[in-house]
Full PDB file with SEQRES, HELIX, SHEET, SSBOND, CRYST1, ORIGX, SCALE, CONECT and MASTER records, all heavy atoms in Angstrom:
SEQRES   1 A   41  MET ALA GLY LYS THR ILE GLY ALA GLN GLY ALA THR THR          
SEQRES   2 A   41  GLN GLY ASP TYR LEU SER ALA LEU TYR PRO ASP SER ASP          
SEQRES   3 A   41  VAL ARG LEU TYR PRO THR GLN ASP ALA VAL ASN LEU ASP          
SEQRES   4 A   41  LEU VAL                                                      
HELIX    1 AA1 THR A   13  LEU A   21  1                                   9    
HELIX    2 AA2 GLN A   33  LEU A   40  1                                   8    
SHEET    1 AA1 2 THR A   5  GLN A   9  0                                        
SHEET    2 AA1 2 ASP A  26  TYR A  30  1                                        
CRYST1    1.000    1.000    1.000  90.00  90.00  90.00 P 1           1          
ORIGX1      1.000000  0.000000  0.000000        0.00000                         
ORIGX2      0.000000  1.000000  0.000000        0.00000                         
ORIGX3      0.000000  0.000000  1.000000        0.00000                         
SCALE1      1.000000  0.000000  0.000000        0.00000                         
SCALE2      0.000000  1.000000  0.000000        0.00000                         
SCALE3      0.000000  0.000000  1.000000        0.00000                         
ATOM      1  N   MET A   1       8.662  -9.068   4.509  1.00  0.00           N  
ATOM      2  CA  MET A   1       7.298  -8.540   4.555  1.00  0.00           C  
ATOM      3  C   MET A   1       6.289  -9.442   3.858  1.00  0.00           C  
ATOM      4  O   MET A   1       5.122  -9.079   3.708  1.00  0.00           O  
ATOM      5  CB  MET A   1       7.269  -7.143   3.921  1.00  0.00           C  
ATOM      6  CG  MET A   1       8.061  -6.099   4.693  1.00  0.00           C  
ATOM      7  SD  MET A   1       7.431  -5.808   6.368  1.00  0.00           S  
ATOM      8  CE  MET A   1       5.936  -4.876   5.992  1.00  0.00           C  
ATOM      9  N   ALA A   2       6.730 -10.610   3.422  1.00  0.00           N  
ATOM     10  CA  ALA A   2       5.804 -11.553   2.790  1.00  0.00           C  
ATOM     11  C   ALA A   2       4.667 -11.886   3.748  1.00  0.00           C  
ATOM     12  O   ALA A   2       4.897 -12.184   4.925  1.00  0.00           O  
ATOM     13  CB  ALA A   2       6.545 -12.823   2.385  1.00  0.00           C  
ATOM     14  N   GLY A   3       3.452 -11.821   3.254  1.00  0.00           N  
ATOM     15  CA  GLY A   3       2.281 -12.103   4.074  1.00  0.00           C  
ATOM     16  C   GLY A   3       1.789 -10.932   4.901  1.00  0.00           C  
ATOM     17  O   GLY A   3       0.700 -10.999   5.485  1.00  0.00           O  
ATOM     18  N   LYS A   4       2.550  -9.850   4.945  1.00  0.00           N  
ATOM     19  CA  LYS A   4       2.141  -8.659   5.689  1.00  0.00           C  
ATOM     20  C   LYS A   4       1.227  -7.785   4.819  1.00  0.00           C  
ATOM     21  O   LYS A   4       1.290  -7.812   3.587  1.00  0.00           O  
ATOM     22  CB  LYS A   4       3.356  -7.839   6.122  1.00  0.00           C  
ATOM     23  CG  LYS A   4       4.351  -8.602   6.997  1.00  0.00           C  
ATOM     24  CD  LYS A   4       3.753  -8.994   8.335  1.00  0.00           C  
ATOM     25  CE  LYS A   4       4.820  -9.640   9.212  1.00  0.00           C  
ATOM     26  NZ  LYS A   4       4.243 -10.089  10.522  1.00  0.00           N  
ATOM     27  N   THR A   5       0.396  -7.007   5.468  1.00  0.00           N  
ATOM     28  CA  THR A   5      -0.507  -6.101   4.773  1.00  0.00           C  
ATOM     29  C   THR A   5       0.097  -4.709   4.780  1.00  0.00           C  
ATOM     30  O   THR A   5       0.353  -4.133   5.843  1.00  0.00           O  
ATOM     31  CB  THR A   5      -1.882  -6.074   5.455  1.00  0.00           C  
ATOM     32  OG1 THR A   5      -2.413  -7.403   5.479  1.00  0.00           O  
ATOM     33  CG2 THR A   5      -2.854  -5.173   4.695  1.00  0.00           C  
ATOM     34  N   ILE A   6       0.342  -4.164   3.575  1.00  0.00           N  
ATOM     35  CA  ILE A   6       1.002  -2.866   3.437  1.00  0.00           C  
ATOM     36  C   ILE A   6       0.113  -1.948   2.600  1.00  0.00           C  
ATOM     37  O   ILE A   6      -0.403  -2.356   1.561  1.00  0.00           O  
ATOM     38  CB  ILE A   6       2.376  -2.986   2.745  1.00  0.00           C  
ATOM     39  CG1 ILE A   6       3.164  -4.179   3.280  1.00  0.00           C  
ATOM     40  CG2 ILE A   6       3.177  -1.704   2.941  1.00  0.00           C  
ATOM     41  CD1 ILE A   6       4.455  -4.445   2.525  1.00  0.00           C  
ATOM     42  N   GLY A   7      -0.037  -0.707   3.042  1.00  0.00           N  
ATOM     43  CA  GLY A   7      -0.894   0.236   2.336  1.00  0.00           C  
ATOM     44  C   GLY A   7      -0.129   1.394   1.721  1.00  0.00           C  
ATOM     45  O   GLY A   7       0.989   1.721   2.130  1.00  0.00           O  
ATOM     46  N   ALA A   8      -0.744   2.017   0.729  1.00  0.00           N  
ATOM     47  CA  ALA A   8      -0.212   3.227   0.104  1.00  0.00           C  
ATOM     48  C   ALA A   8      -1.344   3.893  -0.665  1.00  0.00           C  
ATOM     49  O   ALA A   8      -2.360   3.258  -0.976  1.00  0.00           O  
ATOM     50  CB  ALA A   8       0.949   2.920  -0.836  1.00  0.00           C  
ATOM     51  N   GLN A   9      -1.165   5.153  -0.977  1.00  0.00           N  
ATOM     52  CA  GLN A   9      -2.128   5.833  -1.829  1.00  0.00           C  
ATOM     53  C   GLN A   9      -1.967   5.327  -3.260  1.00  0.00           C  
ATOM     54  O   GLN A   9      -0.859   5.146  -3.757  1.00  0.00           O  
ATOM     55  CB  GLN A   9      -1.919   7.348  -1.789  1.00  0.00           C  
ATOM     56  CG  GLN A   9      -2.964   8.123  -2.587  1.00  0.00           C  
ATOM     57  CD  GLN A   9      -2.795   9.630  -2.462  1.00  0.00           C  
ATOM     58  OE1 GLN A   9      -1.872  10.097  -1.801  1.00  0.00           O  
ATOM     59  NE2 GLN A   9      -3.673  10.373  -3.091  1.00  0.00           N  
ATOM     60  N   GLY A  10      -3.079   5.084  -3.923  1.00  0.00           N  
ATOM     61  CA  GLY A  10      -3.042   4.597  -5.291  1.00  0.00           C  
ATOM     62  C   GLY A  10      -2.604   5.655  -6.279  1.00  0.00           C  
ATOM     63  O   GLY A  10      -2.671   6.851  -6.002  1.00  0.00           O  
ATOM     64  N   ALA A  11      -2.131   5.212  -7.455  1.00  0.00           N  
ATOM     65  CA  ALA A  11      -1.665   6.092  -8.531  1.00  0.00           C  
ATOM     66  C   ALA A  11      -0.517   6.986  -8.080  1.00  0.00           C  
ATOM     67  O   ALA A  11      -0.397   8.119  -8.528  1.00  0.00           O  
ATOM     68  CB  ALA A  11      -2.815   6.930  -9.079  1.00  0.00           C  
ATOM     69  N   THR A  12       0.316   6.468  -7.179  1.00  0.00           N  
ATOM     70  CA  THR A  12       1.467   7.209  -6.666  1.00  0.00           C  
ATOM     71  C   THR A  12       2.723   6.368  -6.847  1.00  0.00           C  
ATOM     72  O   THR A  12       2.655   5.155  -7.103  1.00  0.00           O  
ATOM     73  CB  THR A  12       1.321   7.531  -5.165  1.00  0.00           C  
ATOM     74  OG1 THR A  12       1.270   6.288  -4.431  1.00  0.00           O  
ATOM     75  CG2 THR A  12       0.056   8.345  -4.896  1.00  0.00           C  
ATOM     76  N   THR A  13       3.882   7.013  -6.678  1.00  0.00           N  
ATOM     77  CA  THR A  13       5.127   6.269  -6.785  1.00  0.00           C  
ATOM     78  C   THR A  13       5.282   5.262  -5.645  1.00  0.00           C  
ATOM     79  O   THR A  13       5.862   4.195  -5.836  1.00  0.00           O  
ATOM     80  CB  THR A  13       6.322   7.233  -6.797  1.00  0.00           C  
ATOM     81  OG1 THR A  13       6.195   8.154  -5.714  1.00  0.00           O  
ATOM     82  CG2 THR A  13       6.372   8.010  -8.095  1.00  0.00           C  
ATOM     83  N   GLN A  14       4.765   5.584  -4.465  1.00  0.00           N  
ATOM     84  CA  GLN A  14       4.837   4.614  -3.374  1.00  0.00           C  
ATOM     85  C   GLN A  14       3.959   3.402  -3.650  1.00  0.00           C  
ATOM     86  O   GLN A  14       4.316   2.265  -3.311  1.00  0.00           O  
ATOM     87  CB  GLN A  14       4.501   5.244  -2.020  1.00  0.00           C  
ATOM     88  CG  GLN A  14       3.212   6.005  -1.937  1.00  0.00           C  
ATOM     89  CD  GLN A  14       3.405   7.503  -2.144  1.00  0.00           C  
ATOM     90  OE1 GLN A  14       4.250   7.922  -2.931  1.00  0.00           O  
ATOM     91  NE2 GLN A  14       2.629   8.300  -1.434  1.00  0.00           N  
ATOM     92  N   GLY A  15       2.814   3.627  -4.275  1.00  0.00           N  
ATOM     93  CA  GLY A  15       1.976   2.513  -4.690  1.00  0.00           C  
ATOM     94  C   GLY A  15       2.670   1.659  -5.736  1.00  0.00           C  
ATOM     95  O   GLY A  15       2.627   0.418  -5.686  1.00  0.00           O  
ATOM     96  N   ASP A  16       3.316   2.306  -6.709  1.00  0.00           N  
ATOM     97  CA  ASP A  16       4.075   1.580  -7.736  1.00  0.00           C  
ATOM     98  C   ASP A  16       5.201   0.772  -7.108  1.00  0.00           C  
ATOM     99  O   ASP A  16       5.475  -0.371  -7.511  1.00  0.00           O  
ATOM    100  CB  ASP A  16       4.657   2.552  -8.760  1.00  0.00           C  
ATOM    101  CG  ASP A  16       3.583   3.232  -9.605  1.00  0.00           C  
ATOM    102  OD1 ASP A  16       2.431   2.752  -9.622  1.00  0.00           O  
ATOM    103  OD2 ASP A  16       3.917   4.243 -10.255  1.00  0.00           O  
ATOM    104  N   TYR A  17       5.871   1.361  -6.131  1.00  0.00           N  
ATOM    105  CA  TYR A  17       6.987   0.701  -5.454  1.00  0.00           C  
ATOM    106  C   TYR A  17       6.520  -0.586  -4.774  1.00  0.00           C  
ATOM    107  O   TYR A  17       7.134  -1.655  -4.939  1.00  0.00           O  
ATOM    108  CB  TYR A  17       7.581   1.673  -4.434  1.00  0.00           C  
ATOM    109  CG  TYR A  17       8.629   1.103  -3.528  1.00  0.00           C  
ATOM    110  CD1 TYR A  17       9.939   0.947  -3.957  1.00  0.00           C  
ATOM    111  CD2 TYR A  17       8.312   0.749  -2.214  1.00  0.00           C  
ATOM    112  CE1 TYR A  17      10.916   0.428  -3.106  1.00  0.00           C  
ATOM    113  CE2 TYR A  17       9.278   0.230  -1.358  1.00  0.00           C  
ATOM    114  CZ  TYR A  17      10.575   0.077  -1.815  1.00  0.00           C  
ATOM    115  OH  TYR A  17      11.532  -0.429  -0.965  1.00  0.00           O  
ATOM    116  N   LEU A  18       5.444  -0.506  -4.027  1.00  0.00           N  
ATOM    117  CA  LEU A  18       4.943  -1.692  -3.339  1.00  0.00           C  
ATOM    118  C   LEU A  18       4.450  -2.746  -4.316  1.00  0.00           C  
ATOM    119  O   LEU A  18       4.725  -3.941  -4.156  1.00  0.00           O  
ATOM    120  CB  LEU A  18       3.817  -1.298  -2.380  1.00  0.00           C  
ATOM    121  CG  LEU A  18       4.222  -0.514  -1.135  1.00  0.00           C  
ATOM    122  CD1 LEU A  18       2.992  -0.139  -0.318  1.00  0.00           C  
ATOM    123  CD2 LEU A  18       5.208  -1.303  -0.271  1.00  0.00           C  
ATOM    124  N   SER A  19       3.730  -2.316  -5.334  1.00  0.00           N  
ATOM    125  CA  SER A  19       3.182  -3.264  -6.304  1.00  0.00           C  
ATOM    126  C   SER A  19       4.286  -4.014  -7.042  1.00  0.00           C  
ATOM    127  O   SER A  19       4.147  -5.201  -7.366  1.00  0.00           O  
ATOM    128  CB  SER A  19       2.281  -2.534  -7.301  1.00  0.00           C  
ATOM    129  OG  SER A  19       1.158  -1.967  -6.648  1.00  0.00           O  
ATOM    130  N   ALA A  20       5.400  -3.327  -7.318  1.00  0.00           N  
ATOM    131  CA  ALA A  20       6.488  -3.939  -8.076  1.00  0.00           C  
ATOM    132  C   ALA A  20       7.384  -4.826  -7.230  1.00  0.00           C  
ATOM    133  O   ALA A  20       7.826  -5.895  -7.678  1.00  0.00           O  
ATOM    134  CB  ALA A  20       7.331  -2.844  -8.734  1.00  0.00           C  
ATOM    135  N   LEU A  21       7.660  -4.430  -5.996  1.00  0.00           N  
ATOM    136  CA  LEU A  21       8.689  -5.099  -5.203  1.00  0.00           C  
ATOM    137  C   LEU A  21       8.150  -6.002  -4.100  1.00  0.00           C  
ATOM    138  O   LEU A  21       8.918  -6.759  -3.498  1.00  0.00           O  
ATOM    139  CB  LEU A  21       9.621  -4.057  -4.584  1.00  0.00           C  
ATOM    140  CG  LEU A  21      10.418  -3.191  -5.567  1.00  0.00           C  
ATOM    141  CD1 LEU A  21      11.383  -2.284  -4.819  1.00  0.00           C  
ATOM    142  CD2 LEU A  21      11.182  -4.049  -6.571  1.00  0.00           C  
ATOM    143  N   TYR A  22       6.853  -5.937  -3.808  1.00  0.00           N  
ATOM    144  CA  TYR A  22       6.296  -6.723  -2.698  1.00  0.00           C  
ATOM    145  C   TYR A  22       5.144  -7.619  -3.180  1.00  0.00           C  
ATOM    146  O   TYR A  22       4.028  -7.557  -2.673  1.00  0.00           O  
ATOM    147  CB  TYR A  22       5.832  -5.784  -1.579  1.00  0.00           C  
ATOM    148  CG  TYR A  22       6.991  -5.118  -0.873  1.00  0.00           C  
ATOM    149  CD1 TYR A  22       7.632  -4.021  -1.437  1.00  0.00           C  
ATOM    150  CD2 TYR A  22       7.466  -5.603   0.336  1.00  0.00           C  
ATOM    151  CE1 TYR A  22       8.715  -3.420  -0.814  1.00  0.00           C  
ATOM    152  CE2 TYR A  22       8.555  -5.007   0.973  1.00  0.00           C  
ATOM    153  CZ  TYR A  22       9.180  -3.919   0.389  1.00  0.00           C  
ATOM    154  OH  TYR A  22      10.241  -3.335   1.010  1.00  0.00           O  
ATOM    155  N   PRO A  23       5.433  -8.503  -4.153  1.00  0.00           N  
ATOM    156  CA  PRO A  23       4.365  -9.348  -4.701  1.00  0.00           C  
ATOM    157  C   PRO A  23       3.797 -10.349  -3.704  1.00  0.00           C  
ATOM    158  O   PRO A  23       2.664 -10.832  -3.887  1.00  0.00           O  
ATOM    159  CB  PRO A  23       5.055 -10.067  -5.872  1.00  0.00           C  
ATOM    160  CG  PRO A  23       6.505 -10.106  -5.478  1.00  0.00           C  
ATOM    161  CD  PRO A  23       6.743  -8.796  -4.776  1.00  0.00           C  
ATOM    162  N   ASP A  24       4.564 -10.677  -2.675  1.00  0.00           N  
ATOM    163  CA  ASP A  24       4.094 -11.667  -1.696  1.00  0.00           C  
ATOM    164  C   ASP A  24       3.435 -11.019  -0.484  1.00  0.00           C  
ATOM    165  O   ASP A  24       3.074 -11.713   0.475  1.00  0.00           O  
ATOM    166  CB  ASP A  24       5.257 -12.554  -1.244  1.00  0.00           C  
ATOM    167  CG  ASP A  24       5.844 -13.373  -2.389  1.00  0.00           C  
ATOM    168  OD1 ASP A  24       5.052 -13.812  -3.249  1.00  0.00           O  
ATOM    169  OD2 ASP A  24       7.072 -13.543  -2.435  1.00  0.00           O  
ATOM    170  N   SER A  25       3.280  -9.705  -0.527  1.00  0.00           N  
ATOM    171  CA  SER A  25       2.559  -8.995   0.534  1.00  0.00           C  
ATOM    172  C   SER A  25       1.153  -8.668   0.046  1.00  0.00           C  
ATOM    173  O   SER A  25       0.871  -8.667  -1.152  1.00  0.00           O  
ATOM    174  CB  SER A  25       3.295  -7.697   0.898  1.00  0.00           C  
ATOM    175  OG  SER A  25       4.590  -7.961   1.386  1.00  0.00           O  
ATOM    176  N   ASP A  26       0.287  -8.406   0.988  1.00  0.00           N  
ATOM    177  CA  ASP A  26      -1.060  -7.941   0.657  1.00  0.00           C  
ATOM    178  C   ASP A  26      -0.989  -6.425   0.526  1.00  0.00           C  
ATOM    179  O   ASP A  26      -1.071  -5.698   1.517  1.00  0.00           O  
ATOM    180  CB  ASP A  26      -2.028  -8.346   1.771  1.00  0.00           C  
ATOM    181  CG  ASP A  26      -3.450  -7.855   1.525  1.00  0.00           C  
ATOM    182  OD1 ASP A  26      -3.731  -7.320   0.425  1.00  0.00           O  
ATOM    183  OD2 ASP A  26      -4.294  -7.991   2.441  1.00  0.00           O  
ATOM    184  N   VAL A  27      -0.789  -5.933  -0.704  1.00  0.00           N  
ATOM    185  CA  VAL A  27      -0.650  -4.503  -0.961  1.00  0.00           C  
ATOM    186  C   VAL A  27      -2.031  -3.903  -1.202  1.00  0.00           C  
ATOM    187  O   VAL A  27      -2.758  -4.335  -2.099  1.00  0.00           O  
ATOM    188  CB  VAL A  27       0.266  -4.246  -2.178  1.00  0.00           C  
ATOM    189  CG1 VAL A  27       0.279  -2.760  -2.527  1.00  0.00           C  
ATOM    190  CG2 VAL A  27       1.683  -4.732  -1.869  1.00  0.00           C  
ATOM    191  N   ARG A  28      -2.387  -2.917  -0.403  1.00  0.00           N  
ATOM    192  CA  ARG A  28      -3.690  -2.271  -0.519  1.00  0.00           C  
ATOM    193  C   ARG A  28      -3.500  -0.803  -0.893  1.00  0.00           C  
ATOM    194  O   ARG A  28      -2.754  -0.082  -0.227  1.00  0.00           O  
ATOM    195  CB  ARG A  28      -4.463  -2.380   0.803  1.00  0.00           C  
ATOM    196  CG  ARG A  28      -4.709  -3.826   1.220  1.00  0.00           C  
ATOM    197  CD  ARG A  28      -5.519  -3.931   2.507  1.00  0.00           C  
ATOM    198  NE  ARG A  28      -5.657  -5.317   2.928  1.00  0.00           N  
ATOM    199  CZ  ARG A  28      -6.314  -5.718   4.026  1.00  0.00           C  
ATOM    200  NH1 ARG A  28      -6.896  -4.796   4.801  1.00  0.00           N  
ATOM    201  NH2 ARG A  28      -6.388  -6.997   4.330  1.00  0.00           N  
ATOM    202  N   LEU A  29      -4.170  -0.381  -1.954  1.00  0.00           N  
ATOM    203  CA  LEU A  29      -4.047   0.983  -2.453  1.00  0.00           C  
ATOM    204  C   LEU A  29      -5.337   1.750  -2.194  1.00  0.00           C  
ATOM    205  O   LEU A  29      -6.430   1.202  -2.363  1.00  0.00           O  
ATOM    206  CB  LEU A  29      -3.713   0.979  -3.942  1.00  0.00           C  
ATOM    207  CG  LEU A  29      -2.440   0.207  -4.314  1.00  0.00           C  
ATOM    208  CD1 LEU A  29      -2.199   0.280  -5.812  1.00  0.00           C  
ATOM    209  CD2 LEU A  29      -1.226   0.729  -3.543  1.00  0.00           C  
ATOM    210  N   TYR A  30      -5.198   3.000  -1.800  1.00  0.00           N  
ATOM    211  CA  TYR A  30      -6.318   3.806  -1.343  1.00  0.00           C  
ATOM    212  C   TYR A  30      -6.437   5.091  -2.172  1.00  0.00           C  
ATOM    213  O   TYR A  30      -5.449   5.559  -2.734  1.00  0.00           O  
ATOM    214  CB  TYR A  30      -6.130   4.184   0.127  1.00  0.00           C  
ATOM    215  CG  TYR A  30      -6.081   3.007   1.079  1.00  0.00           C  
ATOM    216  CD1 TYR A  30      -4.929   2.224   1.187  1.00  0.00           C  
ATOM    217  CD2 TYR A  30      -7.176   2.683   1.869  1.00  0.00           C  
ATOM    218  CE1 TYR A  30      -4.873   1.150   2.065  1.00  0.00           C  
ATOM    219  CE2 TYR A  30      -7.123   1.610   2.760  1.00  0.00           C  
ATOM    220  CZ  TYR A  30      -5.971   0.847   2.849  1.00  0.00           C  
ATOM    221  OH  TYR A  30      -5.932  -0.220   3.723  1.00  0.00           O  
ATOM    222  N   PRO A  31      -7.616   5.687  -2.210  1.00  0.00           N  
ATOM    223  CA  PRO A  31      -7.784   6.908  -3.016  1.00  0.00           C  
ATOM    224  C   PRO A  31      -7.083   8.133  -2.466  1.00  0.00           C  
ATOM    225  O   PRO A  31      -6.728   9.033  -3.220  1.00  0.00           O  
ATOM    226  CB  PRO A  31      -9.300   7.115  -3.040  1.00  0.00           C  
ATOM    227  CG  PRO A  31      -9.806   6.385  -1.829  1.00  0.00           C  
ATOM    228  CD  PRO A  31      -8.899   5.213  -1.663  1.00  0.00           C  
ATOM    229  N   THR A  32      -6.884   8.194  -1.146  1.00  0.00           N  
ATOM    230  CA  THR A  32      -6.225   9.349  -0.528  1.00  0.00           C  
ATOM    231  C   THR A  32      -5.250   8.877   0.535  1.00  0.00           C  
ATOM    232  O   THR A  32      -5.355   7.760   1.067  1.00  0.00           O  
ATOM    233  CB  THR A  32      -7.237  10.305   0.138  1.00  0.00           C  
ATOM    234  OG1 THR A  32      -7.847   9.644   1.257  1.00  0.00           O  
ATOM    235  CG2 THR A  32      -8.306  10.759  -0.849  1.00  0.00           C  
ATOM    236  N   GLN A  33      -4.316   9.775   0.903  1.00  0.00           N  
ATOM    237  CA  GLN A  33      -3.372   9.454   1.972  1.00  0.00           C  
ATOM    238  C   GLN A  33      -4.089   9.356   3.316  1.00  0.00           C  
ATOM    239  O   GLN A  33      -3.740   8.529   4.164  1.00  0.00           O  
ATOM    240  CB  GLN A  33      -2.278  10.521   2.047  1.00  0.00           C  
ATOM    241  CG  GLN A  33      -1.187  10.228   3.068  1.00  0.00           C  
ATOM    242  CD  GLN A  33      -0.441   8.942   2.773  1.00  0.00           C  
ATOM    243  OE1 GLN A  33       0.038   8.738   1.670  1.00  0.00           O  
ATOM    244  NE2 GLN A  33      -0.354   8.050   3.769  1.00  0.00           N  
ATOM    245  N   ASP A  34      -5.112  10.176   3.511  1.00  0.00           N  
ATOM    246  CA  ASP A  34      -5.874  10.116   4.761  1.00  0.00           C  
ATOM    247  C   ASP A  34      -6.490   8.736   4.962  1.00  0.00           C  
ATOM    248  O   ASP A  34      -6.557   8.234   6.086  1.00  0.00           O  
ATOM    249  CB  ASP A  34      -6.972  11.181   4.767  1.00  0.00           C  
ATOM    250  CG  ASP A  34      -6.435  12.571   5.047  1.00  0.00           C  
ATOM    251  OD1 ASP A  34      -5.285  12.681   5.516  1.00  0.00           O  
ATOM    252  OD2 ASP A  34      -7.169  13.548   4.790  1.00  0.00           O  
ATOM    253  N   ALA A  35      -6.940   8.116   3.865  1.00  0.00           N  
ATOM    254  CA  ALA A  35      -7.545   6.788   3.966  1.00  0.00           C  
ATOM    255  C   ALA A  35      -6.507   5.738   4.360  1.00  0.00           C  
ATOM    256  O   ALA A  35      -6.803   4.813   5.133  1.00  0.00           O  
ATOM    257  CB  ALA A  35      -8.203   6.411   2.640  1.00  0.00           C  
ATOM    258  N   VAL A  36      -5.293   5.879   3.851  1.00  0.00           N  
ATOM    259  CA  VAL A  36      -4.208   4.966   4.252  1.00  0.00           C  
ATOM    260  C   VAL A  36      -3.926   5.130   5.745  1.00  0.00           C  
ATOM    261  O   VAL A  36      -3.834   4.149   6.494  1.00  0.00           O  
ATOM    262  CB  VAL A  36      -2.916   5.242   3.462  1.00  0.00           C  
ATOM    263  CG1 VAL A  36      -1.920   4.100   3.696  1.00  0.00           C  
ATOM    264  CG2 VAL A  36      -3.179   5.388   1.977  1.00  0.00           C  
ATOM    265  N   ASN A  37      -3.789   6.378   6.160  1.00  0.00           N  
ATOM    266  CA  ASN A  37      -3.507   6.651   7.569  1.00  0.00           C  
ATOM    267  C   ASN A  37      -4.574   6.041   8.472  1.00  0.00           C  
ATOM    268  O   ASN A  37      -4.267   5.452   9.517  1.00  0.00           O  
ATOM    269  CB  ASN A  37      -3.438   8.157   7.807  1.00  0.00           C  
ATOM    270  CG  ASN A  37      -2.282   8.826   7.088  1.00  0.00           C  
ATOM    271  OD1 ASN A  37      -1.373   8.162   6.585  1.00  0.00           O  
ATOM    272  ND2 ASN A  37      -2.319  10.144   7.030  1.00  0.00           N  
ATOM    273  N   LEU A  38      -5.821   6.190   8.080  1.00  0.00           N  
ATOM    274  CA  LEU A  38      -6.929   5.692   8.893  1.00  0.00           C  
ATOM    275  C   LEU A  38      -6.850   4.187   9.076  1.00  0.00           C  
ATOM    276  O   LEU A  38      -7.052   3.674  10.189  1.00  0.00           O  
ATOM    277  CB  LEU A  38      -8.262   6.071   8.243  1.00  0.00           C  
ATOM    278  CG  LEU A  38      -9.526   5.590   8.971  1.00  0.00           C  
ATOM    279  CD1 LEU A  38      -9.597   6.175  10.377  1.00  0.00           C  
ATOM    280  CD2 LEU A  38     -10.770   5.969   8.172  1.00  0.00           C  
ATOM    281  N   ASP A  39      -6.529   3.454   8.016  1.00  0.00           N  
ATOM    282  CA  ASP A  39      -6.451   1.997   8.151  1.00  0.00           C  
ATOM    283  C   ASP A  39      -5.240   1.566   8.964  1.00  0.00           C  
ATOM    284  O   ASP A  39      -5.276   0.532   9.637  1.00  0.00           O  
ATOM    285  CB  ASP A  39      -6.433   1.334   6.767  1.00  0.00           C  
ATOM    286  CG  ASP A  39      -7.835   0.891   6.337  1.00  0.00           C  
ATOM    287  OD1 ASP A  39      -8.812   1.334   6.975  1.00  0.00           O  
ATOM    288  OD2 ASP A  39      -7.947   0.102   5.372  1.00  0.00           O  
ATOM    289  N   LEU A  40      -4.168   2.345   8.930  1.00  0.00           N  
ATOM    290  CA  LEU A  40      -3.020   2.015   9.783  1.00  0.00           C  
ATOM    291  C   LEU A  40      -3.382   2.246  11.250  1.00  0.00           C  
ATOM    292  O   LEU A  40      -3.110   1.408  12.112  1.00  0.00           O  
ATOM    293  CB  LEU A  40      -1.810   2.855   9.392  1.00  0.00           C  
ATOM    294  CG  LEU A  40      -0.503   2.523  10.119  1.00  0.00           C  
ATOM    295  CD1 LEU A  40      -0.066   1.084   9.839  1.00  0.00           C  
ATOM    296  CD2 LEU A  40       0.607   3.492   9.735  1.00  0.00           C  
ATOM    297  N   VAL A  41      -4.041   3.362  11.527  1.00  0.00           N  
ATOM    298  CA  VAL A  41      -4.485   3.667  12.892  1.00  0.00           C  
ATOM    299  C   VAL A  41      -5.453   2.605  13.390  1.00  0.00           C  
ATOM    300  O   VAL A  41      -5.416   2.188  14.562  1.00  0.00           O  
ATOM    301  CB  VAL A  41      -5.152   5.052  12.942  1.00  0.00           C  
ATOM    302  CG1 VAL A  41      -5.806   5.288  14.298  1.00  0.00           C  
ATOM    303  CG2 VAL A  41      -4.127   6.149  12.653  1.00  0.00           C  
TER     304      VAL A  41                                                      
MASTER        0    0    0    2    2    0    0    6  303    1    0    4          
END                                                                             
């Protein structure tokens, strides 16, 4: 997933997971889950 853009809701365990394990990806954190869904769509 290096170089890929991955999203998650901020201040969550999924956000922590991406931030810790995917340093070479573009990890984007959002205020709500709906906002993550919207950017994926």
